[in-house]
Structures are given as C-alpha cells and as structure tokens.
PDB file of N, CA and C in Angstrom:
ATOM      1  N   MET A   1       0.576  -1.137   0.141  1.00  0.00           N
ATOM      2  CA  MET A   1      -0.191  -0.148   0.042  1.00  0.00           C
ATOM      3  C   MET A   1       0.719   1.062  -0.157  1.00  0.00           C
ATOM      4  N   ASN A   2       0.731   2.104  -0.918  1.00  0.00           N
ATOM      5  CA  ASN A   2       1.766   3.300  -1.218  1.00  0.00           C
ATOM      6  C   ASN A   2       0.991   4.381   0.443  1.00  0.00           C
ATOM      7  N   SER A   3       1.804   5.317   0.283  1.00  0.00           N
ATOM      8  CA  SER A   3       1.593   6.359   1.421  1.00  0.00           C
ATOM      9  C   SER A   3       0.418   6.791   1.417  1.00  0.00           C
ATOM     10  N   ALA A   4       0.101   7.482   0.266  1.00  0.00           N
ATOM     11  CA  ALA A   4      -1.469   7.897   0.067  1.00  0.00           C
ATOM     12  C   ALA A   4      -2.561   7.184   0.643  1.00  0.00           C
ATOM     13  N   HIS A   5      -2.251   5.957  -0.036  1.00  0.00           N
ATOM     14  CA  HIS A   5      -3.797   4.979   0.224  1.00  0.00           C
ATOM     15  C   HIS A   5      -3.557   4.605   1.873  1.00  0.00           C
ATOM     16  N   ARG A   6      -2.280   4.470   2.520  1.00  0.00           N
ATOM     17  CA  ARG A   6      -2.253   4.131   3.632  1.00  0.00           C
ATOM     18  C   ARG A   6      -3.010   5.420   4.536  1.00  0.00           C
ATOM     19  N   TYR A   7      -2.761   6.884   3.957  1.00  0.00           N
ATOM     20  CA  TYR A   7      -3.022   7.827   4.650  1.00  0.00           C
ATOM     21  C   TYR A   7      -4.711   7.972   4.693  1.00  0.00           C
ATOM     22  N   LEU A   8      -5.189   7.456   3.626  1.00  0.00           N
ATOM     23  CA  LEU A   8      -6.697   7.701   3.205  1.00  0.00           C
ATOM     24  C   LEU A   8      -7.367   6.542   4.130  1.00  0.00           C
ATOM     25  N   SER A   9      -6.638   5.441   4.363  1.00  0.00           N
ATOM     26  CA  SER A   9      -7.094   4.343   5.049  1.00  0.00           C
ATOM     27  C   SER A   9      -7.181   4.864   6.456  1.00  0.00           C
ATOM     28  N   GLU A  10      -6.263   5.415   6.950  1.00  0.00           N
ATOM     29  CA  GLU A  10      -6.076   5.803   8.204  1.00  0.00           C
ATOM     30  C   GLU A  10      -7.079   6.723   8.959  1.00  0.00           C
ATOM     31  N   LEU A  11      -7.217   7.900   7.646  1.00  0.00           N
ATOM     32  CA  LEU A  11      -8.460   8.777   8.048  1.00  0.00           C
ATOM     33  C   LEU A  11      -9.833   8.184   7.876  1.00  0.00           C
ATOM     34  N   ALA A  12      -9.942   7.097   7.137  1.00  0.00           N
ATOM     35  CA  ALA A  12     -11.357   6.436   6.918  1.00  0.00           C
ATOM     36  C   ALA A  12     -11.648   5.805   8.510  1.00  0.00           C
ATOM     37  N   ASP A  13     -10.534   5.199   8.868  1.00  0.00           N
ATOM     38  CA  ASP A  13     -10.573   4.386  10.149  1.00  0.00           C
ATOM     39  C   ASP A  13     -11.107   5.513  11.437  1.00  0.00           C
ATOM     40  N   GLN A  14     -10.772   6.866  11.072  1.00  0.00           N
ATOM     41  CA  GLN A  14     -11.376   7.661  12.207  1.00  0.00           C
ATOM     42  C   GLN A  14     -12.738   7.777  12.331  1.00  0.00           C
ATOM     43  N   VAL A  15     -13.561   7.742  10.967  1.00  0.00           N
ATOM     44  CA  VAL A  15     -14.749   8.169  10.818  1.00  0.00           C
ATOM     45  C   VAL A  15     -15.773   7.433  11.789  1.00  0.00           C
ATOM     46  N   SER A  16     -16.734   7.546  12.628  1.00  0.00           N
ATOM     47  CA  SER A  16     -17.676   7.304  13.301  1.00  0.00           C
ATOM     48  C   SER A  16     -17.958   6.273  12.653  1.00  0.00           C
ATOM     49  N   ASP A  17     -18.900   4.926  13.507  1.00  0.00           N
ATOM     50  CA  ASP A  17     -19.488   3.651  12.951  1.00  0.00           C
ATOM     51  C   ASP A  17     -20.904   4.392  12.462  1.00  0.00           C
ATOM     52  N   TRP A  18     -21.091   5.239  13.274  1.00  0.00           N
ATOM     53  CA  TRP A  18     -22.631   5.864  13.071  1.00  0.00           C
ATOM     54  C   TRP A  18     -22.608   6.715  11.641  1.00  0.00           C
ATOM     55  N   ASP A  19     -21.581   7.541  11.078  1.00  0.00           N
ATOM     56  CA  ASP A  19     -21.218   7.941   9.776  1.00  0.00           C
ATOM     57  C   ASP A  19     -21.106   6.785   8.653  1.00  0.00           C
ATOM     58  N   VAL A  20     -20.390   5.899   9.081  1.00  0.00           N
ATOM     59  CA  VAL A  20     -20.252   4.998   8.048  1.00  0.00           C
ATOM     60  C   VAL A  20     -21.224   4.040   7.917  1.00  0.00           C
ATOM     61  N   ALA A  21     -22.195   3.841   8.955  1.00  0.00           N
ATOM     62  CA  ALA A  21     -23.678   3.173   8.468  1.00  0.00           C
ATOM     63  C   ALA A  21     -24.691   3.753   7.601  1.00  0.00           C
ATOM     64  N   LEU A  22     -24.543   5.217   8.121  1.00  0.00           N
ATOM     65  CA  LEU A  22     -25.262   6.314   7.383  1.00  0.00           C
ATOM     66  C   LEU A  22     -25.014   6.427   5.958  1.00  0.00           C
ATOM     67  N   ILE A  23     -23.497   6.404   5.576  1.00  0.00           N
ATOM     68  CA  ILE A  23     -23.484   6.641   4.253  1.00  0.00           C
ATOM     69  C   ILE A  23     -23.479   5.455   3.377  1.00  0.00           C
ATOM     70  N   ARG A  24     -23.516   4.535   4.089  1.00  0.00           N
ATOM     71  CA  ARG A  24     -23.543   3.012   3.719  1.00  0.00           C
ATOM     72  C   ARG A  24     -25.258   3.062   3.198  1.00  0.00           C
ATOM     73  N   GLN A  25     -25.912   3.339   4.041  1.00  0.00           N
ATOM     74  CA  GLN A  25     -27.490   3.233   4.087  1.00  0.00           C
ATOM     75  C   GLN A  25     -27.717   4.377   2.856  1.00  0.00           C
ATOM     76  N   ALA A  26     -27.257   5.486   2.702  1.00  0.00           N
ATOM     77  CA  ALA A  26     -27.731   6.322   1.782  1.00  0.00           C
ATOM     78  C   ALA A  26     -27.056   5.820   0.286  1.00  0.00           C
ATOM     79  N   VAL A  27     -25.978   5.150   0.134  1.00  0.00           N
ATOM     80  CA  VAL A  27     -25.379   4.777  -1.194  1.00  0.00           C
ATOM     81  C   VAL A  27     -26.342   3.547  -1.624  1.00  0.00           C
ATOM     82  N   LEU A  28     -26.653   2.515  -0.651  1.00  0.00           N
ATOM     83  CA  LEU A  28     -27.841   1.755  -0.902  1.00  0.00           C
ATOM     84  C   LEU A  28     -28.930   1.894  -1.612  1.00  0.00           C
ATOM     85  N   VAL A  29     -29.609   2.881  -0.886  1.00  0.00           N
ATOM     86  CA  VAL A  29     -30.896   3.404  -1.073  1.00  0.00           C
ATOM     87  C   VAL A  29     -31.072   4.143  -2.113  1.00  0.00           C
ATOM     88  N   PHE A  30     -30.085   5.276  -2.517  1.00  0.00           N
ATOM     89  CA  PHE A  30     -30.087   6.084  -3.600  1.00  0.00           C
ATOM     90  C   PHE A  30     -29.664   5.245  -4.921  1.00  0.00           C
ATOM     91  N   ALA A  31     -28.728   4.249  -4.802  1.00  0.00           N
ATOM     92  CA  ALA A  31     -28.638   3.385  -5.868  1.00  0.00           C
ATOM     93  C   ALA A  31     -29.537   2.950  -6.131  1.00  0.00           C
ATOM     94  N   ARG A  32     -30.427   1.762  -5.036  1.00  0.00           N
ATOM     95  CA  ARG A  32     -31.254   1.255  -5.909  1.00  0.00           C
ATOM     96  C   ARG A  32     -32.446   1.873  -6.564  1.00  0.00           C
ATOM     97  N   LEU A  33     -32.634   3.152  -5.754  1.00  0.00           N
ATOM     98  CA  LEU A  33     -33.684   4.215  -6.512  1.00  0.00           C
ATOM     99  C   LEU A  33     -33.249   4.694  -7.974  1.00  0.00           C
ATOM    100  N   ASN A  34     -32.108   4.423  -8.414  1.00  0.00           N
ATOM    101  CA  ASN A  34     -31.235   5.042  -9.664  1.00  0.00           C
ATOM    102  C   ASN A  34     -30.642   4.129 -10.289  1.00  0.00           C
ATOM    103  N   ASP A  35     -31.552   2.937 -10.593  1.00  0.00           N
ATOM    104  CA  ASP A  35     -30.662   1.704 -11.549  1.00  0.00           C
ATOM    105  C   ASP A  35     -29.765   1.239 -11.421  1.00  0.00           C
ATOM    106  N   GLY A  36     -29.162   1.464 -10.026  1.00  0.00           N
ATOM    107  CA  GLY A  36     -28.079   0.502  -9.545  1.00  0.00           C
ATOM    108  C   GLY A  36     -26.924   1.505  -9.601  1.00  0.00           C
ATOM    109  N   ARG A  37     -27.130   3.031  -9.749  1.00  0.00           N
ATOM    110  CA  ARG A  37     -25.739   3.696  -9.966  1.00  0.00           C
ATOM    111  C   ARG A  37     -26.007   4.897  -9.185  1.00  0.00           C
ATOM    112  N   VAL A  38     -24.876   5.315  -8.624  1.00  0.00           N
ATOM    113  CA  VAL A  38     -24.925   6.426  -7.578  1.00  0.00           C
ATOM    114  C   VAL A  38     -23.663   7.223  -7.534  1.00  0.00           C
ATOM    115  N   SER A  39     -23.534   8.410  -7.305  1.00  0.00           N
ATOM    116  CA  SER A  39     -22.427   9.148  -6.803  1.00  0.00           C
ATOM    117  C   SER A  39     -22.852  10.186  -5.389  1.00  0.00           C
ATOM    118  N   ALA A  40     -21.887  10.804  -5.002  1.00  0.00           N
ATOM    119  CA  ALA A  40     -21.986  11.545  -3.951  1.00  0.00           C
ATOM    120  C   ALA A  40     -23.148  12.402  -3.793  1.00  0.00           C
ATOM    121  N   ASN A  41     -23.165  13.342  -5.456  1.00  0.00           N
ATOM    122  CA  ASN A  41     -24.133  14.176  -5.529  1.00  0.00           C
ATOM    123  C   ASN A  41     -25.773  13.495  -5.507  1.00  0.00           C
ATOM    124  N   ASP A  42     -25.916  12.394  -5.395  1.00  0.00           N
ATOM    125  CA  ASP A  42     -27.100  12.172  -5.374  1.00  0.00           C
ATOM    126  C   ASP A  42     -27.524  11.985  -3.714  1.00  0.00           C
ATOM    127  N   PHE A  43     -26.893  12.068  -2.824  1.00  0.00           N
ATOM    128  CA  PHE A  43     -27.408  11.840  -1.365  1.00  0.00           C
ATOM    129  C   PHE A  43     -26.823  12.972  -0.582  1.00  0.00           C
ATOM    130  N   ARG A  44     -25.379  13.518  -0.657  1.00  0.00           N
ATOM    131  CA  ARG A  44     -24.657  14.383   0.164  1.00  0.00           C
ATOM    132  C   ARG A  44     -25.402  15.389   0.772  1.00  0.00           C
ATOM    133  N   ASP A  45     -26.437  16.028   0.012  1.00  0.00           N
ATOM    134  CA  ASP A  45     -26.985  17.032   0.894  1.00  0.00           C
ATOM    135  C   ASP A  45     -28.405  16.200   1.770  1.00  0.00           C
ATOM    136  N   TYR A  46     -28.410  15.128   1.896  1.00  0.00           N
ATOM    137  CA  TYR A  46     -29.546  14.425   2.893  1.00  0.00           C
ATOM    138  C   TYR A  46     -28.920  14.492   4.099  1.00  0.00           C
ATOM    139  N   LEU A  47     -27.730  14.364   4.296  1.00  0.00           N
ATOM    140  CA  LEU A  47     -26.609  14.015   5.331  1.00  0.00           C
ATOM    141  C   LEU A  47     -26.323  14.930   6.311  1.00  0.00           C
ATOM    142  N   PRO A  48     -26.544  14.676   7.595  1.00  0.00           N
ATOM    143  CA  PRO A  48     -26.182  15.845   8.440  1.00  0.00           C
ATOM    144  C   PRO A  48     -24.467  16.631   7.990  1.00  0.00           C
ATOM    145  N   PRO A  49     -24.627  18.074   8.393  1.00  0.00           N
ATOM    146  CA  PRO A  49     -23.360  18.342   7.733  1.00  0.00           C
ATOM    147  C   PRO A  49     -21.997  17.707   8.640  1.00  0.00           C
ATOM    148  N   THR A  50     -22.235  17.345   9.703  1.00  0.00           N
ATOM    149  CA  THR A  50     -21.003  16.235  10.419  1.00  0.00           C
ATOM    150  C   THR A  50     -20.598  15.108   9.419  1.00  0.00           C
ATOM    151  N   SER A  51     -21.581  14.583   8.829  1.00  0.00           N
ATOM    152  CA  SER A  51     -21.282  13.448   8.111  1.00  0.00           C
ATOM    153  C   SER A  51     -20.922  13.745   6.501  1.00  0.00           C
ATOM    154  N   GLN A  52     -21.044  14.996   6.076  1.00  0.00           N
ATOM    155  CA  GLN A  52     -20.882  15.132   4.653  1.00  0.00           C
ATOM    156  C   GLN A  52     -19.379  15.158   4.429  1.00  0.00           C
ATOM    157  N   GLY A  53     -18.457  15.297   5.354  1.00  0.00           N
ATOM    158  CA  GLY A  53     -17.111  15.594   5.195  1.00  0.00           C
ATOM    159  C   GLY A  53     -16.593  13.948   5.193  1.00  0.00           C
ATOM    160  N   ALA A  54     -17.241  13.132   5.280  1.00  0.00           N
ATOM    161  CA  ALA A  54     -17.032  11.486   5.512  1.00  0.00           C
ATOM    162  C   ALA A  54     -17.544  10.891   4.199  1.00  0.00           C
ATOM    163  N   VAL A  55     -18.053  11.510   3.379  1.00  0.00           N
ATOM    164  CA  VAL A  55     -18.658  10.810   2.216  1.00  0.00           C
ATOM    165  C   VAL A  55     -17.613  10.181   1.574  1.00  0.00           C
ATOM    166  N   GLY A  56     -16.404  10.948   0.977  1.00  0.00           N
ATOM    167  CA  GLY A  56     -15.455  10.530   0.211  1.00  0.00           C
ATOM    168  C   GLY A  56     -14.823   9.359   0.648  1.00  0.00           C
ATOM    169  N   LEU A  57     -14.190   9.477   1.945  1.00  0.00           N
ATOM    170  CA  LEU A  57     -13.633   8.529   2.697  1.00  0.00           C
ATOM    171  C   LEU A  57     -14.294   7.075   2.711  1.00  0.00           C
ATOM    172  N   VAL A  58     -15.602   7.335   3.055  1.00  0.00           N
ATOM    173  CA  VAL A  58     -16.692   6.111   3.357  1.00  0.00           C
ATOM    174  C   VAL A  58     -16.712   5.291   1.895  1.00  0.00           C
ATOM    175  N   ILE A  59     -16.994   6.076   1.125  1.00  0.00           N
ATOM    176  CA  ILE A  59     -17.701   5.610  -0.257  1.00  0.00           C
ATOM    177  C   ILE A  59     -16.653   4.729  -0.976  1.00  0.00           C
ATOM    178  N   ARG A  60     -15.199   5.347  -0.682  1.00  0.00           N
ATOM    179  CA  ARG A  60     -13.840   4.492  -1.191  1.00  0.00           C
ATOM    180  C   ARG A  60     -13.606   3.139  -0.854  1.00  0.00           C
ATOM    181  N   GLN A  61     -14.372   3.152   0.693  1.00  0.00           N
ATOM    182  CA  GLN A  61     -14.042   1.791   1.272  1.00  0.00           C
ATOM    183  C   GLN A  61     -14.992   0.404   0.638  1.00  0.00           C
ATOM    184  N   LEU A  62     -16.344   1.140   0.255  1.00  0.00           N
ATOM    185  CA  LEU A  62     -17.548   0.040   0.289  1.00  0.00           C
ATOM    186  C   LEU A  62     -16.912  -0.809  -0.870  1.00  0.00           C
ATOM    187  N   PRO A  63     -16.326  -0.611  -2.003  1.00  0.00           N
ATOM    188  CA  PRO A  63     -15.552  -1.596  -2.955  1.00  0.00           C
ATOM    189  C   PRO A  63     -14.977  -2.957  -2.164  1.00  0.00           C
ATOM    190  N   CYS A  64     -14.271  -2.444  -0.973  1.00  0.00           N
ATOM    191  CA  CYS A  64     -13.369  -3.840  -0.002  1.00  0.00           C
ATOM    192  C   CYS A  64     -14.052  -4.497   0.205  1.00  0.00           C
ATOM    193  N   LYS A  65     -13.491  -5.831   0.717  1.00  0.00           N
ATOM    194  CA  LYS A  65     -14.029  -7.211   1.204  1.00  0.00           C
ATOM    195  C   LYS A  65     -14.672  -6.752   2.513  1.00  0.00           C
ATOM    196  N   LYS A  66     -13.796  -6.215   3.277  1.00  0.00           N
ATOM    197  CA  LYS A  66     -14.223  -5.779   4.611  1.00  0.00           C
ATOM    198  C   LYS A  66     -15.685  -5.079   4.464  1.00  0.00           C
ATOM    199  N   HIS A  67     -15.936  -4.207   3.702  1.00  0.00           N
ATOM    200  CA  HIS A  67     -17.174  -3.598   3.845  1.00  0.00           C
ATOM    201  C   HIS A  67     -18.310  -4.266   2.749  1.00  0.00           C
ATOM    202  N   GLY A  68     -18.098  -5.473   2.607  1.00  0.00           N
ATOM    203  CA  GLY A  68     -19.136  -6.275   1.769  1.00  0.00           C
ATOM    204  C   GLY A  68     -18.915  -6.131   0.373  1.00  0.00           C
ATOM    205  N   GLN A  69     -17.930  -5.457  -0.257  1.00  0.00           N
ATOM    206  CA  GLN A  69     -17.890  -5.180  -1.706  1.00  0.00           C
ATOM    207  C   GLN A  69     -19.259  -4.911  -2.304  1.00  0.00           C
ATOM    208  N   LEU A  70     -19.982  -3.627  -1.679  1.00  0.00           N
ATOM    209  CA  LEU A  70     -21.420  -3.449  -2.273  1.00  0.00           C
ATOM    210  C   LEU A  70     -21.145  -2.626  -3.690  1.00  0.00           C
ATOM    211  N   ILE A  71     -20.304  -2.033  -4.111  1.00  0.00           N
ATOM    212  CA  ILE A  71     -20.239  -1.289  -5.166  1.00  0.00           C
ATOM    213  C   ILE A  71     -18.827  -1.315  -5.616  1.00  0.00           C
ATOM    214  N   ARG A  72     -18.890  -1.081  -7.262  1.00  0.00           N
ATOM    215  CA  ARG A  72     -17.702  -0.916  -7.951  1.00  0.00           C
ATOM    216  C   ARG A  72     -17.616   0.388  -8.693  1.00  0.00           C
ATOM    217  N   LYS A  73     -16.632   0.853  -9.201  1.00  0.00           N
ATOM    218  CA  LYS A  73     -16.384   1.878 -10.175  1.00  0.00           C
ATOM    219  C   LYS A  73     -17.519   1.675 -11.554  1.00  0.00           C
ATOM    220  N   ALA A  74     -18.172   2.570 -11.955  1.00  0.00           N
ATOM    221  CA  ALA A  74     -19.004   2.593 -12.610  1.00  0.00           C
ATOM    222  C   ALA A  74     -18.536   2.173 -14.379  1.00  0.00           C
ATOM    223  N   ARG A  75     -19.078   1.303 -14.969  1.00  0.00           N
ATOM    224  CA  ARG A  75     -18.579   0.975 -16.381  1.00  0.00           C
ATOM    225  C   ARG A  75     -19.457   1.850 -17.285  1.00  0.00           C
ATOM    226  N   ALA A  76     -18.556   2.218 -18.108  1.00  0.00           N
ATOM    227  CA  ALA A  76     -18.827   2.948 -19.435  1.00  0.00           C
ATOM    228  C   ALA A  76     -19.781   2.463 -20.303  1.00  0.00           C
ATOM    229  N   VAL A  77     -20.983   2.738 -20.590  1.00  0.00           N
ATOM    230  CA  VAL A  77     -21.766   2.144 -21.269  1.00  0.00           C
ATOM    231  C   VAL A  77     -22.217   3.218 -22.685  1.00  0.00           C
ATOM    232  N   PRO A  78     -21.790   2.481 -23.706  1.00  0.00           N
ATOM    233  CA  PRO A  78     -21.574   3.337 -24.888  1.00  0.00           C
ATOM    234  C   PRO A  78     -23.388   3.985 -25.091  1.00  0.00           C
ATOM    235  N   GLY A  79     -23.069   5.141 -25.534  1.00  0.00           N
ATOM    236  CA  GLY A  79     -24.561   6.052 -25.761  1.00  0.00           C
ATOM    237  C   GLY A  79     -24.987   6.254 -24.350  1.00  0.00           C
ATOM    238  N   GLY A  80     -24.482   6.019 -23.412  1.00  0.00           N
ATOM    239  CA  GLY A  80     -25.246   5.702 -21.849  1.00  0.00           C
ATOM    240  C   GLY A  80     -24.623   6.596 -21.016  1.00  0.00           C
ATOM    241  N   TRP A  81     -24.721   6.154 -19.565  1.00  0.00           N
ATOM    242  CA  TRP A  81     -24.241   7.008 -18.600  1.00  0.00           C
ATOM    243  C   TRP A  81     -22.602   7.288 -18.604  1.00  0.00           C
ATOM    244  N   SER A  82     -22.296   8.183 -17.816  1.00  0.00           N
ATOM    245  CA  SER A  82     -20.772   8.500 -17.692  1.00  0.00           C
ATOM    246  C   SER A  82     -20.331   7.811 -16.443  1.00  0.00           C
ATOM    247  N   ILE A  83     -18.992   7.848 -16.318  1.00  0.00           N
ATOM    248  CA  ILE A  83     -18.526   7.163 -15.608  1.00  0.00           C
ATOM    249  C   ILE A  83     -17.916   8.174 -14.160  1.00  0.00           C
ATOM    250  N   THR A  84     -17.975   9.535 -14.439  1.00  0.00           N
ATOM    251  CA  THR A  84     -17.755  10.632 -13.635  1.00  0.00           C
ATOM    252  C   THR A  84     -18.727  11.308 -14.040  1.00  0.00           C
ATOM    253  N   GLU A  85     -18.908  12.875 -12.630  1.00  0.00           N
ATOM    254  CA  GLU A  85     -19.899  13.928 -13.267  1.00  0.00           C
ATOM    255  C   GLU A  85     -19.304  14.739 -12.263  1.00  0.00           C
ATOM    256  N   PRO A  86     -19.507  16.050 -12.818  1.00  0.00           N
ATOM    257  CA  PRO A  86     -19.108  17.137 -11.755  1.00  0.00           C
ATOM    258  C   PRO A  86     -19.446  17.274 -10.419  1.00  0.00           C
ATOM    259  N   SER A  87     -18.868  17.600  -9.474  1.00  0.00           N
ATOM    260  CA  SER A  87     -19.463  17.752  -8.299  1.00  0.00           C
ATOM    261  C   SER A  87     -20.389  18.688  -7.800  1.00  0.00           C
ATOM    262  N   THR A  88     -21.335  18.473  -7.403  1.00  0.00           N
ATOM    263  CA  THR A  88     -22.127  19.486  -6.923  1.00  0.00           C
ATOM    264  C   THR A  88     -22.065  20.435  -5.528  1.00  0.00           C
ATOM    265  N   ALA A  89     -21.007  19.829  -4.942  1.00  0.00           N
ATOM    266  CA  ALA A  89     -20.604  20.560  -3.693  1.00  0.00           C
ATOM    267  C   ALA A  89     -19.616  21.930  -4.091  1.00  0.00           C
ATOM    268  N   GLU A  90     -20.145  22.927  -3.571  1.00  0.00           N
ATOM    269  CA  GLU A  90     -19.553  24.116  -3.632  1.00  0.00           C
ATOM    270  C   GLU A  90     -17.938  24.224  -3.339  1.00  0.00           C
ATOM    271  N   SER A  91     -17.666  23.639  -2.500  1.00  0.00           N
ATOM    272  CA  SER A  91     -16.118  23.623  -2.453  1.00  0.00           C
ATOM    273  C   SER A  91     -15.248  22.762  -3.084  1.00  0.00           C
ATOM    274  N   THR A  92     -15.986  21.942  -4.127  1.00  0.00           N
ATOM    275  CA  THR A  92     -15.107  21.177  -4.937  1.00  0.00           C
ATOM    276  C   THR A  92     -15.098  21.683  -6.261  1.00  0.00           C
ATOM    277  N   HIS A  93     -15.689  23.005  -6.836  1.00  0.00           N
ATOM    278  CA  HIS A  93     -15.644  23.923  -8.126  1.00  0.00           C
ATOM    279  C   HIS A  93     -15.846  23.207  -9.144  1.00  0.00           C
ATOM    280  N   GLY A  94     -16.898  21.933  -8.811  1.00  0.00           N
ATOM    281  CA  GLY A  94     -17.259  21.094  -9.987  1.00  0.00           C
ATOM    282  C   GLY A  94     -16.182  20.189 -10.572  1.00  0.00           C
ATOM    283  N   LYS A  95     -15.251  20.185  -9.570  1.00  0.00           N
ATOM    284  CA  LYS A  95     -14.194  18.548  -9.988  1.00  0.00           C
ATOM    285  C   LYS A  95     -14.918  17.609 -10.070  1.00  0.00           C
ATOM    286  N   PRO A  96     -14.207  16.507 -10.977  1.00  0.00           N
ATOM    287  CA  PRO A  96     -15.267  15.266 -11.236  1.00  0.00           C
ATOM    288  C   PRO A  96     -15.074  14.291  -9.986  1.00  0.00           C
ATOM    289  N   ILE A  97     -16.328  13.689  -9.830  1.00  0.00           N
ATOM    290  CA  ILE A  97     -16.261  12.708  -8.981  1.00  0.00           C
ATOM    291  C   ILE A  97     -16.865  11.544  -9.709  1.00  0.00           C
ATOM    292  N   GLN A  98     -16.509  10.174  -8.919  1.00  0.00           N
ATOM    293  CA  GLN A  98     -16.928   9.039  -9.759  1.00  0.00           C
ATOM    294  C   GLN A  98     -18.126   8.830  -9.640  1.00  0.00           C
ATOM    295  N   VAL A  99     -18.636   8.189 -10.544  1.00  0.00           N
ATOM    296  CA  VAL A  99     -20.056   7.388 -10.259  1.00  0.00           C
ATOM    297  C   VAL A  99     -19.917   5.855 -10.111  1.00  0.00           C
ATOM    298  N   TRP A 100     -20.624   5.403  -9.165  1.00  0.00           N
ATOM    299  CA  TRP A 100     -20.386   3.870  -8.703  1.00  0.00           C
ATOM    300  C   TRP A 100     -21.472   2.952  -9.092  1.00  0.00           C
ATOM    301  N   GLU A 101     -21.499   1.723  -9.251  1.00  0.00           N
ATOM    302  CA  GLU A 101     -22.665   0.694  -9.364  1.00  0.00           C
ATOM    303  C   GLU A 101     -22.678  -0.240  -8.439  1.00  0.00           C
ATOM    304  N   LEU A 102     -23.720  -0.570  -8.172  1.00  0.00           N
ATOM    305  CA  LEU A 102     -24.079  -1.932  -7.044  1.00  0.00           C
ATOM    306  C   LEU A 102     -23.279  -3.169  -7.917  1.00  0.00           C
ATOM    307  N   THR A 103     -22.833  -3.931  -7.104  1.00  0.00           N
ATOM    308  CA  THR A 103     -22.333  -5.061  -7.128  1.00  0.00           C
ATOM    309  C   THR A 103     -23.688  -6.299  -7.014  1.00  0.00           C
ATOM    310  N   PRO A 104     -23.608  -7.558  -7.357  1.00  0.00           N
ATOM    311  CA  PRO A 104     -24.641  -8.392  -7.173  1.00  0.00           C
ATOM    312  C   PRO A 104     -24.804  -8.327  -5.658  1.00  0.00           C
ATOM    313  N   ALA A 105     -23.789  -8.016  -4.599  1.00  0.00           N
ATOM    314  CA  ALA A 105     -23.909  -8.368  -3.291  1.00  0.00           C
ATOM    315  C   ALA A 105     -24.438  -6.965  -2.717  1.00  0.00           C
ATOM    316  N   GLY A 106     -24.337  -5.639  -3.646  1.00  0.00           N
ATOM    317  CA  GLY A 106     -24.757  -4.412  -2.875  1.00  0.00           C
ATOM    318  C   GLY A 106     -26.330  -4.444  -3.336  1.00  0.00           C
ATOM    319  N   TRP A 107     -26.681  -5.099  -4.760  1.00  0.00           N
ATOM    320  CA  TRP A 107     -28.160  -5.334  -5.241  1.00  0.00           C
ATOM    321  C   TRP A 107     -28.880  -5.955  -3.816  1.00  0.00           C
ATOM    322  N   ASP A 108     -28.232  -7.100  -3.395  1.00  0.00           N
ATOM    323  CA  ASP A 108     -29.000  -8.103  -2.161  1.00  0.00           C
ATOM    324  C   ASP A 108     -28.971  -7.092  -1.032  1.00  0.00           C
ATOM    325  N   ALA A 109     -28.111  -6.470  -0.866  1.00  0.00           N
ATOM    326  CA  ALA A 109     -28.273  -5.642   0.665  1.00  0.00           C
ATOM    327  C   ALA A 109     -29.251  -4.516   0.410  1.00  0.00           C
ATOM    328  N   ALA A 110     -29.284  -3.883  -0.996  1.00  0.00           N
ATOM    329  CA  ALA A 110     -29.965  -2.993  -0.812  1.00  0.00           C
ATOM    330  C   ALA A 110     -31.862  -3.300  -1.062  1.00  0.00           C
ATOM    331  N   ARG A 111     -31.613  -4.550  -1.586  1.00  0.00           N
ATOM    332  CA  ARG A 111     -33.234  -5.153  -1.472  1.00  0.00           C
ATOM    333  C   ARG A 111     -33.575  -5.569  -0.033  1.00  0.00           C
ATOM    334  N   GLN A 112     -32.401  -6.014   0.966  1.00  0.00           N
ATOM    335  CA  GLN A 112     -32.919  -6.394   2.295  1.00  0.00           C
ATOM    336  C   GLN A 112     -33.235  -5.231   3.014  1.00  0.00           C
ATOM    337  N   LEU A 113     -32.223  -3.685   2.881  1.00  0.00           N
ATOM    338  CA  LEU A 113     -32.483  -2.841   3.396  1.00  0.00           C
ATOM    339  C   LEU A 113     -33.730  -2.199   3.076  1.00  0.00           C
ATOM    340  N   MET A 114     -34.281  -2.254   1.912  1.00  0.00           N
ATOM    341  CA  MET A 114     -35.641  -1.457   1.507  1.00  0.00           C
ATOM    342  C   MET A 114     -36.639  -2.568   1.577  1.00  0.00           C
ATOM    343  N   GLY A 115     -36.505  -3.828   2.493  1.00  0.00           N
ATOM    344  CA  GLY A 115     -37.658  -4.630   2.194  1.00  0.00           C
ATOM    345  C   GLY A 115     -38.207  -4.857   0.782  1.00  0.00           C
ATOM    346  N   ASP A 116     -37.416  -4.608  -0.285  1.00  0.00           N
ATOM    347  CA  ASP A 116     -37.573  -5.058  -1.699  1.00  0.00           C
ATOM    348  C   ASP A 116     -38.827  -4.352  -2.172  1.00  0.00           C
ATOM    349  N   LYS A 117     -38.812  -3.003  -1.673  1.00  0.00           N
ATOM    350  CA  LYS A 117     -40.166  -2.200  -1.820  1.00  0.00           C
ATOM    351  C   LYS A 117     -39.736  -1.042  -2.698  1.00  0.00           C
ATOM    352  N   ALA A 118     -38.644  -1.050  -3.623  1.00  0.00           N
ATOM    353  CA  ALA A 118     -38.148   0.334  -4.212  1.00  0.00           C
ATOM    354  C   ALA A 118     -39.265   0.869  -5.015  1.00  0.00           C
ATOM    355  N   VAL A 119     -39.180   2.179  -5.317  1.00  0.00           N
ATOM    356  CA  VAL A 119     -40.029   2.877  -6.146  1.00  0.00           C
ATOM    357  C   VAL A 119     -39.905   3.037  -7.360  1.00  0.00           C
ATOM    358  N   ALA A 120     -40.864   2.780  -8.183  1.00  0.00           N
ATOM    359  CA  ALA A 120     -40.269   2.881  -9.752  1.00  0.00           C
ATOM    360  C   ALA A 120     -40.076   4.102 -10.121  1.00  0.00           C
TER     361      ALA A 120
END
C-alpha cells in the first residue's frame, strides 16, 4: 500500500461507525432508486453536515471485502451513462467525482434494506 492509500485508510478508520452506517445506507438506497448507479451528488445534501465530510472516505471503502464489496466503479455504457460527473458540492468547484454501481452483493443488501419495495 502506498503512502497516499495508507493515509486515506487511516483517515477512514477515524470516521465514526454511525457515519459509516449512515453513508452506507444512503449509497444503497439511492443506488437502488437510480438503476443501481450512485454518486455523492445524489445523497450528500440529505446527510447531516457532520457526515458530509466523510462521504468520500467512506464511499471509497465500500468496494473492499471488509465492507461487503457493495459497489464498484461504474463502467462506461456506449451512448449511455458516464463514469464521472461534476461535483455539486460548492467547495469542490465542479471537480469530477466517481459514479459507482451496485455489485450483486450491493443489490442484495439494498433489497434487504428496503424490504424489496423500491419505488419505480
């Protein structure tokens, strides 16, 4: 692991369990309601201000085995969705952010979380 990844991992370890659970839930719900795709833009504004700063740290951890491999980087779809989009957070000045997609494990977790009652 290089020093940048180690540093990000150390920062992520300092995020409270409550914030991790809240962000994880937001990712699953918003992805489930959006054809399996999600970015921080979709749910950031619904989080308490204290949780918003941890979104990037937590979302980068969700593809890991430790966190259930719930999402992966979105794949390009010819003539379809993009894999990045401009951030809507004022502080980022429109910097591109990653779009993520649910894995099969993520779909299962989202269905379970929502009681399999997603709105069409």
